[in-house]
Each structure stands twice: as structure tokens, then as C-alpha cells.
Amino acid sequence: MNDDKDQMKKLFGKRVQEIRKKRGLTQEKLAELVDIGTPNISYIENGKFYPSYETFIGLLEALKVEPSELFTFDMKKSPEELKQEMMDAFNNDEKLLRLVYKLYRAIVV
């Protein structure tokens, strides 16, 4: 399970980095816009940790993206495999469940 979480952090971080570079932003400038330290941007982009909810919202605003855009990776798993993986993750991590629910509500409402 930890391998899946680590992989997701890496995919998320890579996506943040891709969008940041597309926008012509340095890590320093993005950190300034999000109001966090530059090392934190590096840690996120390198998949060392996920952003807090506040930092996540700051990234959305600074990068001018919708939440779903930060989770658009090249997925090679079937929809059923994705559903099962997400259900397993939700069953094992209440914070993740609550974060994804907030994202879901932000997108749907």
C-alpha cells in the first residue's frame, strides 16, 4: 500500500512541476505565490509529501488550474482497478477520504 501512496505522491508532484514549468514559473516564484517556502515546493514536486489543504488551494490559484488538472496523470489501470485502489486507500486513510471528498464537493457543487 505504501508503494501506491508513494507513486501517487510522485505523480502528483510531477504534474505540479509540469504545470509550473508550462506557466513559466520558477519554484521560488510559485512558493511566493502560494506563500510557502521554496523547499516545500521542491518536496511536493519530488513526491516527498502532499501539500496541506491550504497549500493545495494556493497551488490551484497560483497555477490557475482546476483540482482535476493536478490529478490528470497517464493512468494505465482499468477503471475497476482504479476504483478498487481508491476504495482501499479510503478504507485505510480517513484524511485522504476527507480531502478527496472536499475536492469532489468543490468540483460537483
PDB file of N, CA and C in Angstrom:
ATOM      1  N   MET A   1       0.820  -1.204   0.000  1.00  0.00           N
ATOM      2  CA  MET A   1       0.000   0.000   0.000  1.00  0.00           C
ATOM      3  C   MET A   1       0.858   1.260   0.000  1.00  0.00           C
ATOM      4  N   ASN A   2       1.951   1.269   0.767  1.00  0.00           N
ATOM      5  CA  ASN A   2       2.816   2.443   0.795  1.00  0.00           C
ATOM      6  C   ASN A   2       3.425   2.730  -0.562  1.00  0.00           C
ATOM      7  N   ASP A   3       3.711   1.683  -1.334  1.00  0.00           N
ATOM      8  CA  ASP A   3       4.250   1.890  -2.674  1.00  0.00           C
ATOM      9  C   ASP A   3       3.268   2.667  -3.543  1.00  0.00           C
ATOM     10  N   ASP A   4       1.966   2.345  -3.411  1.00  0.00           N
ATOM     11  CA  ASP A   4       0.943   3.054  -4.176  1.00  0.00           C
ATOM     12  C   ASP A   4       0.862   4.520  -3.752  1.00  0.00           C
ATOM     13  N   LYS A   5       0.933   4.762  -2.433  1.00  0.00           N
ATOM     14  CA  LYS A   5       0.894   6.139  -1.936  1.00  0.00           C
ATOM     15  C   LYS A   5       2.113   6.916  -2.417  1.00  0.00           C
ATOM     16  N   ASP A   6       3.271   6.282  -2.353  1.00  0.00           N
ATOM     17  CA  ASP A   6       4.496   6.939  -2.812  1.00  0.00           C
ATOM     18  C   ASP A   6       4.410   7.245  -4.302  1.00  0.00           C
ATOM     19  N   GLN A   7       3.876   6.309  -5.067  1.00  0.00           N
ATOM     20  CA  GLN A   7       3.732   6.519  -6.509  1.00  0.00           C
ATOM     21  C   GLN A   7       2.776   7.678  -6.785  1.00  0.00           C
ATOM     22  N   MET A   8       1.684   7.747  -6.031  1.00  0.00           N
ATOM     23  CA  MET A   8       0.718   8.826  -6.229  1.00  0.00           C
ATOM     24  C   MET A   8       1.340  10.176  -5.895  1.00  0.00           C
ATOM     25  N   LYS A   9       2.123  10.237  -4.821  1.00  0.00           N
ATOM     26  CA  LYS A   9       2.801  11.489  -4.470  1.00  0.00           C
ATOM     27  C   LYS A   9       3.746  11.911  -5.580  1.00  0.00           C
ATOM     28  N   LYS A  10       4.441  10.952  -6.165  1.00  0.00           N
ATOM     29  CA  LYS A  10       5.376  11.264  -7.250  1.00  0.00           C
ATOM     30  C   LYS A  10       4.631  11.746  -8.491  1.00  0.00           C
ATOM     31  N   LEU A  11       3.532  11.089  -8.824  1.00  0.00           N
ATOM     32  CA  LEU A  11       2.743  11.509  -9.977  1.00  0.00           C
ATOM     33  C   LEU A  11       2.167  12.910  -9.766  1.00  0.00           C
ATOM     34  N   PHE A  12       1.643  13.155  -8.572  1.00  0.00           N
ATOM     35  CA  PHE A  12       1.091  14.465  -8.244  1.00  0.00           C
ATOM     36  C   PHE A  12       2.181  15.532  -8.348  1.00  0.00           C
ATOM     37  N   GLY A  13       3.338  15.250  -7.744  1.00  0.00           N
ATOM     38  CA  GLY A  13       4.446  16.205  -7.780  1.00  0.00           C
ATOM     39  C   GLY A  13       4.927  16.486  -9.188  1.00  0.00           C
ATOM     40  N   LYS A  14       5.016  15.443  -9.987  1.00  0.00           N
ATOM     41  CA  LYS A  14       5.443  15.613 -11.387  1.00  0.00           C
ATOM     42  C   LYS A  14       4.448  16.492 -12.139  1.00  0.00           C
ATOM     43  N   ARG A  15       3.166  16.298 -11.845  1.00  0.00           N
ATOM     44  CA  ARG A  15       2.122  17.099 -12.506  1.00  0.00           C
ATOM     45  C   ARG A  15       2.217  18.566 -12.095  1.00  0.00           C
ATOM     46  N   VAL A  16       2.450  18.830 -10.813  1.00  0.00           N
ATOM     47  CA  VAL A  16       2.634  20.212 -10.353  1.00  0.00           C
ATOM     48  C   VAL A  16       3.817  20.836 -11.082  1.00  0.00           C
ATOM     49  N   GLN A  17       4.909  20.096 -11.171  1.00  0.00           N
ATOM     50  CA  GLN A  17       6.105  20.601 -11.844  1.00  0.00           C
ATOM     51  C   GLN A  17       5.837  20.885 -13.328  1.00  0.00           C
ATOM     52  N   GLU A  18       5.132  19.977 -14.004  1.00  0.00           N
ATOM     53  CA  GLU A  18       4.801  20.177 -15.425  1.00  0.00           C
ATOM     54  C   GLU A  18       4.015  21.467 -15.625  1.00  0.00           C
ATOM     55  N   ILE A  19       2.998  21.658 -14.810  1.00  0.00           N
ATOM     56  CA  ILE A  19       2.147  22.843 -14.948  1.00  0.00           C
ATOM     57  C   ILE A  19       2.930  24.099 -14.584  1.00  0.00           C
ATOM     58  N   ARG A  20       3.732  24.032 -13.525  1.00  0.00           N
ATOM     59  CA  ARG A  20       4.549  25.190 -13.122  1.00  0.00           C
ATOM     60  C   ARG A  20       5.450  25.627 -14.278  1.00  0.00           C
ATOM     61  N   LYS A  21       6.121  24.667 -14.886  1.00  0.00           N
ATOM     62  CA  LYS A  21       7.034  24.991 -15.993  1.00  0.00           C
ATOM     63  C   LYS A  21       6.268  25.528 -17.205  1.00  0.00           C
ATOM     64  N   LYS A  22       5.093  24.949 -17.471  1.00  0.00           N
ATOM     65  CA  LYS A  22       4.256  25.432 -18.566  1.00  0.00           C
ATOM     66  C   LYS A  22       3.865  26.888 -18.366  1.00  0.00           C
ATOM     67  N   ARG A  23       3.674  27.276 -17.104  1.00  0.00           N
ATOM     68  CA  ARG A  23       3.286  28.652 -16.767  1.00  0.00           C
ATOM     69  C   ARG A  23       4.505  29.586 -16.707  1.00  0.00           C
ATOM     70  N   GLY A  24       5.697  29.015 -16.889  1.00  0.00           N
ATOM     71  CA  GLY A  24       6.910  29.831 -16.868  1.00  0.00           C
ATOM     72  C   GLY A  24       7.296  30.299 -15.477  1.00  0.00           C
ATOM     73  N   LEU A  25       6.923  29.521 -14.460  1.00  0.00           N
ATOM     74  CA  LEU A  25       7.215  29.900 -13.085  1.00  0.00           C
ATOM     75  C   LEU A  25       8.407  29.114 -12.548  1.00  0.00           C
ATOM     76  N   THR A  26       9.228  29.770 -11.761  1.00  0.00           N
ATOM     77  CA  THR A  26      10.286  29.077 -11.039  1.00  0.00           C
ATOM     78  C   THR A  26       9.688  28.521  -9.753  1.00  0.00           C
ATOM     79  N   GLN A  27      10.403  27.621  -9.102  1.00  0.00           N
ATOM     80  CA  GLN A  27       9.937  27.128  -7.809  1.00  0.00           C
ATOM     81  C   GLN A  27       9.841  28.284  -6.821  1.00  0.00           C
ATOM     82  N   GLU A  28      10.791  29.203  -6.900  1.00  0.00           N
ATOM     83  CA  GLU A  28      10.793  30.343  -5.987  1.00  0.00           C
ATOM     84  C   GLU A  28       9.549  31.207  -6.174  1.00  0.00           C
ATOM     85  N   LYS A  29       9.200  31.477  -7.429  1.00  0.00           N
ATOM     86  CA  LYS A  29       8.036  32.322  -7.708  1.00  0.00           C
ATOM     87  C   LYS A  29       6.746  31.620  -7.278  1.00  0.00           C
ATOM     88  N   LEU A  30       6.646  30.307  -7.562  1.00  0.00           N
ATOM     89  CA  LEU A  30       5.456  29.574  -7.150  1.00  0.00           C
ATOM     90  C   LEU A  30       5.336  29.564  -5.623  1.00  0.00           C
ATOM     91  N   ALA A  31       6.442  29.357  -4.949  1.00  0.00           N
ATOM     92  CA  ALA A  31       6.431  29.375  -3.480  1.00  0.00           C
ATOM     93  C   ALA A  31       5.943  30.726  -2.966  1.00  0.00           C
ATOM     94  N   GLU A  32       6.410  31.791  -3.584  1.00  0.00           N
ATOM     95  CA  GLU A  32       5.987  33.137  -3.194  1.00  0.00           C
ATOM     96  C   GLU A  32       4.480  33.314  -3.398  1.00  0.00           C
ATOM     97  N   LEU A  33       3.972  32.854  -4.543  1.00  0.00           N
ATOM     98  CA  LEU A  33       2.544  32.988  -4.842  1.00  0.00           C
ATOM     99  C   LEU A  33       1.673  32.166  -3.883  1.00  0.00           C
ATOM    100  N   VAL A  34       2.193  31.021  -3.466  1.00  0.00           N
ATOM    101  CA  VAL A  34       1.442  30.138  -2.574  1.00  0.00           C
ATOM    102  C   VAL A  34       1.671  30.507  -1.109  1.00  0.00           C
ATOM    103  N   ASP A  35       2.694  31.315  -0.870  1.00  0.00           N
ATOM    104  CA  ASP A  35       3.059  31.765   0.477  1.00  0.00           C
ATOM    105  C   ASP A  35       3.586  30.616   1.342  1.00  0.00           C
ATOM    106  N   ILE A  36       4.512  29.854   0.728  1.00  0.00           N
ATOM    107  CA  ILE A  36       5.216  28.796   1.453  1.00  0.00           C
ATOM    108  C   ILE A  36       6.696  28.884   1.087  1.00  0.00           C
ATOM    109  N   GLY A  37       7.516  28.134   1.768  1.00  0.00           N
ATOM    110  CA  GLY A  37       8.942  28.128   1.483  1.00  0.00           C
ATOM    111  C   GLY A  37       9.261  27.376   0.198  1.00  0.00           C
ATOM    112  N   THR A  38      10.298  27.820  -0.485  1.00  0.00           N
ATOM    113  CA  THR A  38      10.721  27.163  -1.722  1.00  0.00           C
ATOM    114  C   THR A  38      11.007  25.677  -1.513  1.00  0.00           C
ATOM    115  N   PRO A  39      11.644  25.283  -0.391  1.00  0.00           N
ATOM    116  CA  PRO A  39      11.880  23.843  -0.199  1.00  0.00           C
ATOM    117  C   PRO A  39      10.581  23.032  -0.211  1.00  0.00           C
ATOM    118  N   ASN A  40       9.493  23.624   0.258  1.00  0.00           N
ATOM    119  CA  ASN A  40       8.217  22.899   0.265  1.00  0.00           C
ATOM    120  C   ASN A  40       7.741  22.588  -1.144  1.00  0.00           C
ATOM    121  N   ILE A  41       7.941  23.521  -2.069  1.00  0.00           N
ATOM    122  CA  ILE A  41       7.588  23.263  -3.470  1.00  0.00           C
ATOM    123  C   ILE A  41       8.438  22.110  -3.987  1.00  0.00           C
ATOM    124  N   SER A  42       9.713  22.138  -3.675  1.00  0.00           N
ATOM    125  CA  SER A  42      10.607  21.064  -4.098  1.00  0.00           C
ATOM    126  C   SER A  42      10.158  19.720  -3.532  1.00  0.00           C
ATOM    127  N   TYR A  43       9.802  19.688  -2.248  1.00  0.00           N
ATOM    128  CA  TYR A  43       9.355  18.439  -1.621  1.00  0.00           C
ATOM    129  C   TYR A  43       8.080  17.910  -2.289  1.00  0.00           C
ATOM    130  N   ILE A  44       7.168  18.814  -2.628  1.00  0.00           N
ATOM    131  CA  ILE A  44       5.935  18.405  -3.308  1.00  0.00           C
ATOM    132  C   ILE A  44       6.267  17.858  -4.687  1.00  0.00           C
ATOM    133  N   GLU A  45       7.071  18.595  -5.448  1.00  0.00           N
ATOM    134  CA  GLU A  45       7.398  18.179  -6.810  1.00  0.00           C
ATOM    135  C   GLU A  45       8.197  16.878  -6.848  1.00  0.00           C
ATOM    136  N   ASN A  46       8.971  16.615  -5.824  1.00  0.00           N
ATOM    137  CA  ASN A  46       9.766  15.384  -5.780  1.00  0.00           C
ATOM    138  C   ASN A  46       9.023  14.223  -5.134  1.00  0.00           C
ATOM    139  N   GLY A  47       7.764  14.457  -4.781  1.00  0.00           N
ATOM    140  CA  GLY A  47       6.949  13.380  -4.221  1.00  0.00           C
ATOM    141  C   GLY A  47       7.294  13.002  -2.798  1.00  0.00           C
ATOM    142  N   LYS A  48       7.930  13.926  -2.073  1.00  0.00           N
ATOM    143  CA  LYS A  48       8.274  13.633  -0.681  1.00  0.00           C
ATOM    144  C   LYS A  48       7.063  13.792   0.235  1.00  0.00           C
ATOM    145  N   PHE A  49       6.184  14.761  -0.092  1.00  0.00           N
ATOM    146  CA  PHE A  49       4.936  14.872   0.654  1.00  0.00           C
ATOM    147  C   PHE A  49       3.866  15.587  -0.144  1.00  0.00           C
ATOM    148  N   TYR A  50       2.614  15.363   0.283  1.00  0.00           N
ATOM    149  CA  TYR A  50       1.467  16.052  -0.300  1.00  0.00           C
ATOM    150  C   TYR A  50       1.356  17.434   0.337  1.00  0.00           C
ATOM    151  N   PRO A  51       0.752  18.363  -0.376  1.00  0.00           N
ATOM    152  CA  PRO A  51       0.519  19.677   0.233  1.00  0.00           C
ATOM    153  C   PRO A  51      -0.623  19.602   1.243  1.00  0.00           C
ATOM    154  N   SER A  52      -0.605  20.530   2.198  1.00  0.00           N
ATOM    155  CA  SER A  52      -1.754  20.658   3.099  1.00  0.00           C
ATOM    156  C   SER A  52      -2.937  21.165   2.268  1.00  0.00           C
ATOM    157  N   TYR A  53      -4.108  21.142   2.862  1.00  0.00           N
ATOM    158  CA  TYR A  53      -5.294  21.644   2.155  1.00  0.00           C
ATOM    159  C   TYR A  53      -5.102  23.103   1.734  1.00  0.00           C
ATOM    160  N   GLU A  54      -4.568  23.922   2.646  1.00  0.00           N
ATOM    161  CA  GLU A  54      -4.360  25.346   2.349  1.00  0.00           C
ATOM    162  C   GLU A  54      -3.349  25.522   1.213  1.00  0.00           C
ATOM    163  N   THR A  55      -2.292  24.742   1.255  1.00  0.00           N
ATOM    164  CA  THR A  55      -1.277  24.817   0.190  1.00  0.00           C
ATOM    165  C   THR A  55      -1.862  24.330  -1.133  1.00  0.00           C
ATOM    166  N   PHE A  56      -2.679  23.288  -1.066  1.00  0.00           N
ATOM    167  CA  PHE A  56      -3.329  22.774  -2.276  1.00  0.00           C
ATOM    168  C   PHE A  56      -4.173  23.869  -2.937  1.00  0.00           C
ATOM    169  N   ILE A  57      -4.959  24.568  -2.130  1.00  0.00           N
ATOM    170  CA  ILE A  57      -5.785  25.663  -2.651  1.00  0.00           C
ATOM    171  C   ILE A  57      -4.882  26.757  -3.229  1.00  0.00           C
ATOM    172  N   GLY A  58      -3.787  27.069  -2.548  1.00  0.00           N
ATOM    173  CA  GLY A  58      -2.831  28.052  -3.054  1.00  0.00           C
ATOM    174  C   GLY A  58      -2.238  27.631  -4.385  1.00  0.00           C
ATOM    175  N   LEU A  59      -1.924  26.351  -4.527  1.00  0.00           N
ATOM    176  CA  LEU A  59      -1.388  25.849  -5.805  1.00  0.00           C
ATOM    177  C   LEU A  59      -2.418  26.017  -6.920  1.00  0.00           C
ATOM    178  N   LEU A  60      -3.672  25.691  -6.617  1.00  0.00           N
ATOM    179  CA  LEU A  60      -4.728  25.855  -7.623  1.00  0.00           C
ATOM    180  C   LEU A  60      -4.810  27.294  -8.105  1.00  0.00           C
ATOM    181  N   GLU A  61      -4.786  28.217  -7.157  1.00  0.00           N
ATOM    182  CA  GLU A  61      -4.900  29.635  -7.509  1.00  0.00           C
ATOM    183  C   GLU A  61      -3.663  30.127  -8.247  1.00  0.00           C
ATOM    184  N   ALA A  62      -2.483  29.768  -7.757  1.00  0.00           N
ATOM    185  CA  ALA A  62      -1.238  30.242  -8.371  1.00  0.00           C
ATOM    186  C   ALA A  62      -1.033  29.664  -9.768  1.00  0.00           C
ATOM    187  N   LEU A  63      -1.400  28.396  -9.942  1.00  0.00           N
ATOM    188  CA  LEU A  63      -1.212  27.742 -11.246  1.00  0.00           C
ATOM    189  C   LEU A  63      -2.406  27.957 -12.175  1.00  0.00           C
ATOM    190  N   LYS A  64      -3.483  28.533 -11.610  1.00  0.00           N
ATOM    191  CA  LYS A  64      -4.697  28.801 -12.382  1.00  0.00           C
ATOM    192  C   LYS A  64      -5.239  27.529 -13.041  1.00  0.00           C
ATOM    193  N   VAL A  65      -5.455  26.506 -12.182  1.00  0.00           N
ATOM    194  CA  VAL A  65      -5.969  25.223 -12.664  1.00  0.00           C
ATOM    195  C   VAL A  65      -7.145  24.773 -11.804  1.00  0.00           C
ATOM    196  N   GLU A  66      -7.918  23.872 -12.352  1.00  0.00           N
ATOM    197  CA  GLU A  66      -8.988  23.207 -11.617  1.00  0.00           C
ATOM    198  C   GLU A  66      -8.365  22.038 -10.854  1.00  0.00           C
ATOM    199  N   PRO A  67      -8.964  21.612  -9.748  1.00  0.00           N
ATOM    200  CA  PRO A  67      -8.388  20.499  -8.987  1.00  0.00           C
ATOM    201  C   PRO A  67      -8.102  19.259  -9.825  1.00  0.00           C
ATOM    202  N   SER A  68      -9.002  18.938 -10.720  1.00  0.00           N
ATOM    203  CA  SER A  68      -8.824  17.724 -11.522  1.00  0.00           C
ATOM    204  C   SER A  68      -7.557  17.767 -12.367  1.00  0.00           C
ATOM    205  N   GLU A  69      -7.123  18.967 -12.762  1.00  0.00           N
ATOM    206  CA  GLU A  69      -5.927  19.075 -13.597  1.00  0.00           C
ATOM    207  C   GLU A  69      -4.669  18.624 -12.870  1.00  0.00           C
ATOM    208  N   LEU A  70      -4.649  18.743 -11.552  1.00  0.00           N
ATOM    209  CA  LEU A  70      -3.482  18.290 -10.791  1.00  0.00           C
ATOM    210  C   LEU A  70      -3.464  16.778 -10.624  1.00  0.00           C
ATOM    211  N   PHE A  71      -4.569  16.137 -10.957  1.00  0.00           N
ATOM    212  CA  PHE A  71      -4.647  14.686 -10.827  1.00  0.00           C
ATOM    213  C   PHE A  71      -4.817  14.006 -12.179  1.00  0.00           C
ATOM    214  N   THR A  72      -4.489  14.699 -13.252  1.00  0.00           N
ATOM    215  CA  THR A  72      -4.577  14.120 -14.583  1.00  0.00           C
ATOM    216  C   THR A  72      -3.215  13.542 -14.947  1.00  0.00           C
ATOM    217  N   PHE A  73      -3.062  12.245 -14.666  1.00  0.00           N
ATOM    218  CA  PHE A  73      -1.821  11.557 -14.985  1.00  0.00           C
ATOM    219  C   PHE A  73      -2.117  10.513 -16.056  1.00  0.00           C
ATOM    220  N   ASP A  74      -1.053   9.989 -16.588  1.00  0.00           N
ATOM    221  CA  ASP A  74      -1.174   8.888 -17.533  1.00  0.00           C
ATOM    222  C   ASP A  74      -1.472   7.624 -16.727  1.00  0.00           C
ATOM    223  N   MET A  75      -2.706   7.191 -16.763  1.00  0.00           N
ATOM    224  CA  MET A  75      -3.102   6.022 -15.994  1.00  0.00           C
ATOM    225  C   MET A  75      -3.170   4.799 -16.902  1.00  0.00           C
ATOM    226  N   LYS A  76      -2.556   3.734 -16.473  1.00  0.00           N
ATOM    227  CA  LYS A  76      -2.563   2.502 -17.252  1.00  0.00           C
ATOM    228  C   LYS A  76      -3.407   1.424 -16.578  1.00  0.00           C
ATOM    229  N   LYS A  77      -4.197   1.822 -15.597  1.00  0.00           N
ATOM    230  CA  LYS A  77      -5.042   0.866 -14.896  1.00  0.00           C
ATOM    231  C   LYS A  77      -6.470   0.971 -15.419  1.00  0.00           C
ATOM    232  N   SER A  78      -7.185  -0.126 -15.334  1.00  0.00           N
ATOM    233  CA  SER A  78      -8.584  -0.136 -15.756  1.00  0.00           C
ATOM    234  C   SER A  78      -9.416   0.664 -14.749  1.00  0.00           C
ATOM    235  N   PRO A  79     -10.593   1.111 -15.174  1.00  0.00           N
ATOM    236  CA  PRO A  79     -11.471   1.820 -14.234  1.00  0.00           C
ATOM    237  C   PRO A  79     -11.780   0.994 -12.988  1.00  0.00           C
ATOM    238  N   GLU A  80     -11.968  -0.310 -13.151  1.00  0.00           N
ATOM    239  CA  GLU A  80     -12.242  -1.167 -11.986  1.00  0.00           C
ATOM    240  C   GLU A  80     -11.043  -1.216 -11.051  1.00  0.00           C
ATOM    241  N   GLU A  81      -9.835  -1.284 -11.599  1.00  0.00           N
ATOM    242  CA  GLU A  81      -8.630  -1.285 -10.763  1.00  0.00           C
ATOM    243  C   GLU A  81      -8.486   0.040 -10.022  1.00  0.00           C
ATOM    244  N   LEU A  82      -8.794   1.127 -10.714  1.00  0.00           N
ATOM    245  CA  LEU A  82      -8.726   2.447 -10.080  1.00  0.00           C
ATOM    246  C   LEU A  82      -9.728   2.554  -8.933  1.00  0.00           C
ATOM    247  N   LYS A  83     -10.954   2.102  -9.178  1.00  0.00           N
ATOM    248  CA  LYS A  83     -11.977   2.147  -8.130  1.00  0.00           C
ATOM    249  C   LYS A  83     -11.538   1.338  -6.915  1.00  0.00           C
ATOM    250  N   GLN A  84     -11.025   0.136  -7.161  1.00  0.00           N
ATOM    251  CA  GLN A  84     -10.612  -0.715  -6.047  1.00  0.00           C
ATOM    252  C   GLN A  84      -9.460  -0.080  -5.282  1.00  0.00           C
ATOM    253  N   GLU A  85      -8.504   0.483  -6.007  1.00  0.00           N
ATOM    254  CA  GLU A  85      -7.363   1.134  -5.358  1.00  0.00           C
ATOM    255  C   GLU A  85      -7.825   2.304  -4.498  1.00  0.00           C
ATOM    256  N   MET A  86      -8.765   3.096  -5.034  1.00  0.00           N
ATOM    257  CA  MET A  86      -9.267   4.239  -4.277  1.00  0.00           C
ATOM    258  C   MET A  86     -10.052   3.778  -3.046  1.00  0.00           C
ATOM    259  N   MET A  87     -10.860   2.744  -3.190  1.00  0.00           N
ATOM    260  CA  MET A  87     -11.627   2.244  -2.052  1.00  0.00           C
ATOM    261  C   MET A  87     -10.682   1.727  -0.970  1.00  0.00           C
ATOM    262  N   ASP A  88      -9.650   1.021  -1.360  1.00  0.00           N
ATOM    263  CA  ASP A  88      -8.664   0.529  -0.390  1.00  0.00           C
ATOM    264  C   ASP A  88      -7.990   1.701   0.329  1.00  0.00           C
ATOM    265  N   ALA A  89      -7.621   2.714  -0.454  1.00  0.00           N
ATOM    266  CA  ALA A  89      -6.963   3.887   0.135  1.00  0.00           C
ATOM    267  C   ALA A  89      -7.904   4.599   1.102  1.00  0.00           C
ATOM    268  N   PHE A  90      -9.162   4.777   0.714  1.00  0.00           N
ATOM    269  CA  PHE A  90     -10.131   5.447   1.577  1.00  0.00           C
ATOM    270  C   PHE A  90     -10.365   4.657   2.864  1.00  0.00           C
ATOM    271  N   ASN A  91     -10.420   3.342   2.742  1.00  0.00           N
ATOM    272  CA  ASN A  91     -10.643   2.494   3.920  1.00  0.00           C
ATOM    273  C   ASN A  91      -9.469   2.554   4.889  1.00  0.00           C
ATOM    274  N   ASN A  92      -8.292   2.876   4.389  1.00  0.00           N
ATOM    275  CA  ASN A  92      -7.092   2.891   5.223  1.00  0.00           C
ATOM    276  C   ASN A  92      -6.639   4.279   5.658  1.00  0.00           C
ATOM    277  N   ASP A  93      -7.255   5.331   5.097  1.00  0.00           N
ATOM    278  CA  ASP A  93      -6.766   6.681   5.378  1.00  0.00           C
ATOM    279  C   ASP A  93      -7.927   7.674   5.394  1.00  0.00           C
ATOM    280  N   GLU A  94      -8.421   7.965   6.590  1.00  0.00           N
ATOM    281  CA  GLU A  94      -9.571   8.862   6.720  1.00  0.00           C
ATOM    282  C   GLU A  94      -9.257  10.273   6.220  1.00  0.00           C
ATOM    283  N   LYS A  95      -8.027  10.756   6.448  1.00  0.00           N
ATOM    284  CA  LYS A  95      -7.658  12.096   5.972  1.00  0.00           C
ATOM    285  C   LYS A  95      -7.736  12.172   4.454  1.00  0.00           C
ATOM    286  N   LEU A  96      -7.275  11.126   3.785  1.00  0.00           N
ATOM    287  CA  LEU A  96      -7.342  11.091   2.328  1.00  0.00           C
ATOM    288  C   LEU A  96      -8.799  11.094   1.873  1.00  0.00           C
ATOM    289  N   LEU A  97      -9.621  10.297   2.527  1.00  0.00           N
ATOM    290  CA  LEU A  97     -11.043  10.256   2.197  1.00  0.00           C
ATOM    291  C   LEU A  97     -11.659  11.644   2.315  1.00  0.00           C
ATOM    292  N   ARG A  98     -11.369  12.329   3.406  1.00  0.00           N
ATOM    293  CA  ARG A  98     -11.946  13.664   3.620  1.00  0.00           C
ATOM    294  C   ARG A  98     -11.421  14.677   2.600  1.00  0.00           C
ATOM    295  N   LEU A  99     -10.144  14.594   2.256  1.00  0.00           N
ATOM    296  CA  LEU A  99      -9.577  15.507   1.259  1.00  0.00           C
ATOM    297  C   LEU A  99     -10.216  15.284  -0.107  1.00  0.00           C
ATOM    298  N   VAL A 100     -10.318  14.039  -0.522  1.00  0.00           N
ATOM    299  CA  VAL A 100     -10.916  13.734  -1.825  1.00  0.00           C
ATOM    300  C   VAL A 100     -12.387  14.128  -1.833  1.00  0.00           C
ATOM    301  N   TYR A 101     -13.062  13.946  -0.709  1.00  0.00           N
ATOM    302  CA  TYR A 101     -14.463  14.363  -0.633  1.00  0.00           C
ATOM    303  C   TYR A 101     -14.590  15.873  -0.813  1.00  0.00           C
ATOM    304  N   LYS A 102     -13.708  16.636  -0.162  1.00  0.00           N
ATOM    305  CA  LYS A 102     -13.727  18.097  -0.324  1.00  0.00           C
ATOM    306  C   LYS A 102     -13.487  18.486  -1.779  1.00  0.00           C
ATOM    307  N   LEU A 103     -12.557  17.804  -2.426  1.00  0.00           N
ATOM    308  CA  LEU A 103     -12.285  18.069  -3.836  1.00  0.00           C
ATOM    309  C   LEU A 103     -13.504  17.742  -4.688  1.00  0.00           C
ATOM    310  N   TYR A 104     -14.095  16.594  -4.403  1.00  0.00           N
ATOM    311  CA  TYR A 104     -15.294  16.178  -5.111  1.00  0.00           C
ATOM    312  C   TYR A 104     -16.403  17.210  -4.971  1.00  0.00           C
ATOM    313  N   ARG A 105     -16.632  17.667  -3.742  1.00  0.00           N
ATOM    314  CA  ARG A 105     -17.687  18.659  -3.500  1.00  0.00           C
ATOM    315  C   ARG A 105     -17.379  19.980  -4.204  1.00  0.00           C
ATOM    316  N   ALA A 106     -16.103  20.348  -4.247  1.00  0.00           N
ATOM    317  CA  ALA A 106     -15.717  21.592  -4.913  1.00  0.00           C
ATOM    318  C   ALA A 106     -15.966  21.508  -6.416  1.00  0.00           C
ATOM    319  N   ILE A 107     -15.789  20.337  -6.969  1.00  0.00           N
ATOM    320  CA  ILE A 107     -15.968  20.147  -8.416  1.00  0.00           C
ATOM    321  C   ILE A 107     -17.434  20.017  -8.777  1.00  0.00           C
ATOM    322  N   VAL A 108     -18.185  19.286  -7.983  1.00  0.00           N
ATOM    323  CA  VAL A 108     -19.584  18.970  -8.300  1.00  0.00           C
ATOM    324  C   VAL A 108     -20.530  20.114  -7.995  1.00  0.00           C
ATOM    325  N   VAL A 109     -20.284  20.819  -6.895  1.00  0.00           N
ATOM    326  CA  VAL A 109     -21.225  21.851  -6.451  1.00  0.00           C
ATOM    327  C   VAL A 109     -21.040  23.133  -7.188  1.00  0.00           C
TER     328      VAL A 109
END
